[in-house]
């Protein structure tokens, strides 16, 4: 289903996330709407990115919207 999603899609990623950390590029490569979006990586964040980098995460989303 995600391979057919052509709506704009932004990934805000935590590479230290032990569950999803290594999959950002797979999401970007497989979701058409992710092409040419300003994806960001939050090095200091883990699986609960909203707890680790909440303000930065919110600022990135607001800027994108």
PDB file of N, CA and C in Angstrom:
ATOM      1  N   UNK A   1       0.817  -1.193   0.000  1.00  0.00           N
ATOM      2  CA  UNK A   1       0.000   0.000   0.000  1.00  0.00           C
ATOM      3  C   UNK A   1       0.865   1.263   0.000  1.00  0.00           C
ATOM      4  N   UNK A   2       1.942   1.276   0.765  1.00  0.00           N
ATOM      5  CA  UNK A   2       2.779   2.471   0.804  1.00  0.00           C
ATOM      6  C   UNK A   2       3.450   2.743  -0.538  1.00  0.00           C
ATOM      7  N   UNK A   3       3.686   1.698  -1.321  1.00  0.00           N
ATOM      8  CA  UNK A   3       4.309   1.887  -2.639  1.00  0.00           C
ATOM      9  C   UNK A   3       3.389   2.636  -3.594  1.00  0.00           C
ATOM     10  N   UNK A   4       2.123   2.761  -3.262  1.00  0.00           N
ATOM     11  CA  UNK A   4       1.166   3.500  -4.086  1.00  0.00           C
ATOM     12  C   UNK A   4       0.863   4.882  -3.507  1.00  0.00           C
ATOM     13  N   UNK A   5       1.403   5.209  -2.328  1.00  0.00           N
ATOM     14  CA  UNK A   5       1.100   6.469  -1.660  1.00  0.00           C
ATOM     15  C   UNK A   5       1.873   7.598  -2.337  1.00  0.00           C
ATOM     16  N   UNK A   6       1.143   8.464  -3.037  1.00  0.00           N
ATOM     17  CA  UNK A   6       1.807   9.547  -3.762  1.00  0.00           C
ATOM     18  C   UNK A   6       1.599  10.917  -3.116  1.00  0.00           C
ATOM     19  N   UNK A   7       0.969  10.953  -1.967  1.00  0.00           N
ATOM     20  CA  UNK A   7       0.813  12.212  -1.229  1.00  0.00           C
ATOM     21  C   UNK A   7       2.161  12.581  -0.608  1.00  0.00           C
ATOM     22  N   UNK A   8       2.440  13.873  -0.417  1.00  0.00           N
ATOM     23  CA  UNK A   8       3.713  14.266   0.191  1.00  0.00           C
ATOM     24  C   UNK A   8       3.933  13.558   1.532  1.00  0.00           C
ATOM     25  N   UNK A   9       5.119  13.012   1.690  1.00  0.00           N
ATOM     26  CA  UNK A   9       5.456  12.233   2.872  1.00  0.00           C
ATOM     27  C   UNK A   9       6.825  12.662   3.382  1.00  0.00           C
ATOM     28  N   UNK A  10       6.882  13.018   4.646  1.00  0.00           N
ATOM     29  CA  UNK A  10       8.123  13.447   5.273  1.00  0.00           C
ATOM     30  C   UNK A  10       8.552  12.401   6.289  1.00  0.00           C
ATOM     31  N   UNK A  11       9.827  12.040   6.278  1.00  0.00           N
ATOM     32  CA  UNK A  11      10.342  11.174   7.329  1.00  0.00           C
ATOM     33  C   UNK A  11      11.235  11.994   8.241  1.00  0.00           C
ATOM     34  N   UNK A  12      10.991  11.861   9.522  1.00  0.00           N
ATOM     35  CA  UNK A  12      11.807  12.481  10.566  1.00  0.00           C
ATOM     36  C   UNK A  12      12.307  11.301  11.389  1.00  0.00           C
ATOM     37  N   UNK A  13      13.587  11.025  11.307  1.00  0.00           N
ATOM     38  CA  UNK A  13      14.102   9.726  11.701  1.00  0.00           C
ATOM     39  C   UNK A  13      15.087   9.762  12.840  1.00  0.00           C
ATOM     40  N   UNK A  14      15.084   8.712  13.618  1.00  0.00           N
ATOM     41  CA  UNK A  14      16.038   8.506  14.707  1.00  0.00           C
ATOM     42  C   UNK A  14      16.874   7.268  14.374  1.00  0.00           C
ATOM     43  N   UNK A  15      18.095   7.453  13.875  1.00  0.00           N
ATOM     44  CA  UNK A  15      18.899   6.300  13.495  1.00  0.00           C
ATOM     45  C   UNK A  15      19.274   5.398  14.668  1.00  0.00           C
ATOM     46  N   UNK A  16      19.180   5.902  15.880  1.00  0.00           N
ATOM     47  CA  UNK A  16      19.487   5.087  17.064  1.00  0.00           C
ATOM     48  C   UNK A  16      18.303   4.258  17.533  1.00  0.00           C
ATOM     49  N   UNK A  17      17.176   4.391  16.873  1.00  0.00           N
ATOM     50  CA  UNK A  17      15.991   3.600  17.206  1.00  0.00           C
ATOM     51  C   UNK A  17      16.320   2.132  16.972  1.00  0.00           C
ATOM     52  N   UNK A  18      16.269   1.297  18.022  1.00  0.00           N
ATOM     53  CA  UNK A  18      16.635  -0.109  17.859  1.00  0.00           C
ATOM     54  C   UNK A  18      15.634  -0.911  17.031  1.00  0.00           C
ATOM     55  N   UNK A  19      14.472  -0.365  16.753  1.00  0.00           N
ATOM     56  CA  UNK A  19      13.458  -1.096  16.002  1.00  0.00           C
ATOM     57  C   UNK A  19      13.421  -0.655  14.544  1.00  0.00           C
ATOM     58  N   UNK A  20      13.355   0.643  14.302  1.00  0.00           N
ATOM     59  CA  UNK A  20      13.211   1.165  12.936  1.00  0.00           C
ATOM     60  C   UNK A  20      14.420   1.952  12.440  1.00  0.00           C
ATOM     61  N   UNK A  21      15.431   2.105  13.277  1.00  0.00           N
ATOM     62  CA  UNK A  21      16.549   2.986  12.985  1.00  0.00           C
ATOM     63  C   UNK A  21      17.193   2.850  11.625  1.00  0.00           C
ATOM     64  N   UNK A  22      17.300   1.668  11.104  1.00  0.00           N
ATOM     65  CA  UNK A  22      17.977   1.464   9.834  1.00  0.00           C
ATOM     66  C   UNK A  22      17.098   1.497   8.611  1.00  0.00           C
ATOM     67  N   UNK A  23      15.843   1.862   8.754  1.00  0.00           N
ATOM     68  CA  UNK A  23      14.899   1.740   7.645  1.00  0.00           C
ATOM     69  C   UNK A  23      14.502   3.045   6.967  1.00  0.00           C
ATOM     70  N   UNK A  24      15.081   4.172   7.329  1.00  0.00           N
ATOM     71  CA  UNK A  24      14.646   5.431   6.723  1.00  0.00           C
ATOM     72  C   UNK A  24      14.746   5.382   5.204  1.00  0.00           C
ATOM     73  N   UNK A  25      15.888   4.971   4.690  1.00  0.00           N
ATOM     74  CA  UNK A  25      16.071   4.980   3.245  1.00  0.00           C
ATOM     75  C   UNK A  25      15.076   4.047   2.562  1.00  0.00           C
ATOM     76  N   UNK A  26      14.741   2.941   3.184  1.00  0.00           N
ATOM     77  CA  UNK A  26      13.749   2.028   2.610  1.00  0.00           C
ATOM     78  C   UNK A  26      12.393   2.711   2.496  1.00  0.00           C
ATOM     79  N   UNK A  27      12.010   3.473   3.509  1.00  0.00           N
ATOM     80  CA  UNK A  27      10.748   4.213   3.447  1.00  0.00           C
ATOM     81  C   UNK A  27      10.809   5.254   2.328  1.00  0.00           C
ATOM     82  N   UNK A  28      11.883   6.023   2.299  1.00  0.00           N
ATOM     83  CA  UNK A  28      12.023   7.074   1.289  1.00  0.00           C
ATOM     84  C   UNK A  28      12.013   6.476  -0.120  1.00  0.00           C
ATOM     85  N   UNK A  29      12.703   5.360  -0.300  1.00  0.00           N
ATOM     86  CA  UNK A  29      12.801   4.731  -1.617  1.00  0.00           C
ATOM     87  C   UNK A  29      11.502   4.081  -2.072  1.00  0.00           C
ATOM     88  N   UNK A  30      10.668   3.670  -1.131  1.00  0.00           N
ATOM     89  CA  UNK A  30       9.472   2.901  -1.484  1.00  0.00           C
ATOM     90  C   UNK A  30       8.158   3.653  -1.383  1.00  0.00           C
ATOM     91  N   UNK A  31       8.183   4.902  -0.965  1.00  0.00           N
ATOM     92  CA  UNK A  31       6.968   5.711  -0.897  1.00  0.00           C
ATOM     93  C   UNK A  31       7.124   6.843  -1.914  1.00  0.00           C
ATOM     94  N   UNK A  32       6.384   6.790  -3.014  1.00  0.00           N
ATOM     95  CA  UNK A  32       6.540   7.819  -4.047  1.00  0.00           C
ATOM     96  C   UNK A  32       6.408   9.245  -3.521  1.00  0.00           C
ATOM     97  N   UNK A  33       5.540   9.488  -2.576  1.00  0.00           N
ATOM     98  CA  UNK A  33       5.334  10.826  -2.035  1.00  0.00           C
ATOM     99  C   UNK A  33       6.506  11.342  -1.216  1.00  0.00           C
ATOM    100  N   UNK A  34       7.464  10.484  -0.912  1.00  0.00           N
ATOM    101  CA  UNK A  34       8.628  10.888  -0.133  1.00  0.00           C
ATOM    102  C   UNK A  34       9.728  11.514  -0.998  1.00  0.00           C
ATOM    103  N   UNK A  35       9.611  11.369  -2.298  1.00  0.00           N
ATOM    104  CA  UNK A  35      10.629  11.916  -3.196  1.00  0.00           C
ATOM    105  C   UNK A  35      10.724  13.426  -3.041  1.00  0.00           C
ATOM    106  N   UNK A  36      11.927  13.908  -2.958  1.00  0.00           N
ATOM    107  CA  UNK A  36      12.224  15.351  -2.931  1.00  0.00           C
ATOM    108  C   UNK A  36      11.684  16.079  -1.695  1.00  0.00           C
ATOM    109  N   UNK A  37      11.432  15.377  -0.623  1.00  0.00           N
ATOM    110  CA  UNK A  37      10.981  16.020   0.609  1.00  0.00           C
ATOM    111  C   UNK A  37      12.195  16.291   1.510  1.00  0.00           C
ATOM    112  N   UNK A  38      12.086  17.258   2.417  1.00  0.00           N
ATOM    113  CA  UNK A  38      13.219  17.599   3.284  1.00  0.00           C
ATOM    114  C   UNK A  38      13.321  16.689   4.520  1.00  0.00           C
ATOM    115  N   UNK A  39      13.593  15.424   4.276  1.00  0.00           N
ATOM    116  CA  UNK A  39      13.709  14.455   5.367  1.00  0.00           C
ATOM    117  C   UNK A  39      14.816  14.878   6.329  1.00  0.00           C
ATOM    118  N   UNK A  40      14.633  14.535   7.603  1.00  0.00           N
ATOM    119  CA  UNK A  40      15.637  14.892   8.604  1.00  0.00           C
ATOM    120  C   UNK A  40      15.947  13.700   9.499  1.00  0.00           C
ATOM    121  N   UNK A  41      17.159  13.719  10.009  1.00  0.00           N
ATOM    122  CA  UNK A  41      17.625  12.695  10.939  1.00  0.00           C
ATOM    123  C   UNK A  41      17.923  13.380  12.263  1.00  0.00           C
ATOM    124  N   UNK A  42      17.466  12.784  13.341  1.00  0.00           N
ATOM    125  CA  UNK A  42      17.679  13.303  14.685  1.00  0.00           C
ATOM    126  C   UNK A  42      18.582  12.310  15.420  1.00  0.00           C
ATOM    127  N   UNK A  43      19.872  12.576  15.382  1.00  0.00           N
ATOM    128  CA  UNK A  43      20.878  11.663  15.933  1.00  0.00           C
ATOM    129  C   UNK A  43      20.673  11.395  17.422  1.00  0.00           C
ATOM    130  N   UNK A  44      20.214  12.379  18.167  1.00  0.00           N
ATOM    131  CA  UNK A  44      20.086  12.231  19.625  1.00  0.00           C
ATOM    132  C   UNK A  44      18.841  11.455  20.051  1.00  0.00           C
ATOM    133  N   UNK A  45      17.996  11.105  19.112  1.00  0.00           N
ATOM    134  CA  UNK A  45      16.720  10.461  19.447  1.00  0.00           C
ATOM    135  C   UNK A  45      16.802   8.943  19.337  1.00  0.00           C
ATOM    136  N   UNK A  46      15.907   8.301  20.066  1.00  0.00           N
ATOM    137  CA  UNK A  46      15.758   6.853  20.005  1.00  0.00           C
ATOM    138  C   UNK A  46      14.364   6.505  19.501  1.00  0.00           C
ATOM    139  N   UNK A  47      13.838   5.367  19.925  1.00  0.00           N
ATOM    140  CA  UNK A  47      12.537   4.900  19.438  1.00  0.00           C
ATOM    141  C   UNK A  47      11.407   5.879  19.760  1.00  0.00           C
ATOM    142  N   UNK A  48      11.468   6.537  20.915  1.00  0.00           N
ATOM    143  CA  UNK A  48      10.438   7.510  21.269  1.00  0.00           C
ATOM    144  C   UNK A  48      10.941   8.902  20.921  1.00  0.00           C
ATOM    145  N   UNK A  49      11.077   9.145  19.630  1.00  0.00           N
ATOM    146  CA  UNK A  49      11.650  10.386  19.102  1.00  0.00           C
ATOM    147  C   UNK A  49      10.933  11.616  19.648  1.00  0.00           C
ATOM    148  N   UNK A  50       9.629  11.520  19.845  1.00  0.00           N
ATOM    149  CA  UNK A  50       8.861  12.663  20.337  1.00  0.00           C
ATOM    150  C   UNK A  50       9.266  13.027  21.761  1.00  0.00           C
ATOM    151  N   UNK A  51       9.718  12.065  22.537  1.00  0.00           N
ATOM    152  CA  UNK A  51      10.177  12.349  23.899  1.00  0.00           C
ATOM    153  C   UNK A  51      11.609  12.882  23.904  1.00  0.00           C
ATOM    154  N   UNK A  52      12.417  12.373  22.999  1.00  0.00           N
ATOM    155  CA  UNK A  52      13.831  12.741  22.968  1.00  0.00           C
ATOM    156  C   UNK A  52      14.103  14.076  22.292  1.00  0.00           C
ATOM    157  N   UNK A  53      13.336  14.402  21.268  1.00  0.00           N
ATOM    158  CA  UNK A  53      13.574  15.624  20.481  1.00  0.00           C
ATOM    159  C   UNK A  53      12.262  16.298  20.129  1.00  0.00           C
ATOM    160  N   UNK A  54      11.358  16.383  21.074  1.00  0.00           N
ATOM    161  CA  UNK A  54      10.007  16.886  20.807  1.00  0.00           C
ATOM    162  C   UNK A  54       9.954  18.254  20.160  1.00  0.00           C
ATOM    163  N   UNK A  55      10.680  19.216  20.698  1.00  0.00           N
ATOM    164  CA  UNK A  55      10.616  20.572  20.150  1.00  0.00           C
ATOM    165  C   UNK A  55      11.201  20.636  18.750  1.00  0.00           C
ATOM    166  N   UNK A  56      12.319  19.970  18.536  1.00  0.00           N
ATOM    167  CA  UNK A  56      12.940  19.964  17.215  1.00  0.00           C
ATOM    168  C   UNK A  56      12.062  19.249  16.192  1.00  0.00           C
ATOM    169  N   UNK A  57      11.452  18.170  16.630  1.00  0.00           N
ATOM    170  CA  UNK A  57      10.556  17.400  15.773  1.00  0.00           C
ATOM    171  C   UNK A  57       9.344  18.246  15.370  1.00  0.00           C
ATOM    172  N   UNK A  58       8.749  18.923  16.338  1.00  0.00           N
ATOM    173  CA  UNK A  58       7.594  19.787  16.064  1.00  0.00           C
ATOM    174  C   UNK A  58       7.978  20.918  15.118  1.00  0.00           C
ATOM    175  N   UNK A  59       9.139  21.513  15.322  1.00  0.00           N
ATOM    176  CA  UNK A  59       9.590  22.602  14.450  1.00  0.00           C
ATOM    177  C   UNK A  59       9.783  22.110  13.017  1.00  0.00           C
ATOM    178  N   UNK A  60      10.319  20.912  12.862  1.00  0.00           N
ATOM    179  CA  UNK A  60      10.512  20.355  11.516  1.00  0.00           C
ATOM    180  C   UNK A  60       9.169  20.118  10.823  1.00  0.00           C
ATOM    181  N   UNK A  61       8.203  19.605  11.576  1.00  0.00           N
ATOM    182  CA  UNK A  61       6.874  19.359  10.993  1.00  0.00           C
ATOM    183  C   UNK A  61       6.175  20.672  10.620  1.00  0.00           C
ATOM    184  N   UNK A  62       6.252  21.651  11.505  1.00  0.00           N
ATOM    185  CA  UNK A  62       5.605  22.940  11.223  1.00  0.00           C
ATOM    186  C   UNK A  62       6.251  23.583  10.002  1.00  0.00           C
ATOM    187  N   UNK A  63       7.561  23.549   9.895  1.00  0.00           N
ATOM    188  CA  UNK A  63       8.252  24.131   8.739  1.00  0.00           C
ATOM    189  C   UNK A  63       7.837  23.426   7.452  1.00  0.00           C
ATOM    190  N   UNK A  64       7.670  22.116   7.507  1.00  0.00           N
ATOM    191  CA  UNK A  64       7.292  21.350   6.321  1.00  0.00           C
ATOM    192  C   UNK A  64       5.851  21.647   5.904  1.00  0.00           C
ATOM    193  N   UNK A  65       4.961  21.755   6.888  1.00  0.00           N
ATOM    194  CA  UNK A  65       3.552  22.009   6.579  1.00  0.00           C
ATOM    195  C   UNK A  65       3.395  23.396   6.012  1.00  0.00           C
TER     196      UNK A  65
END
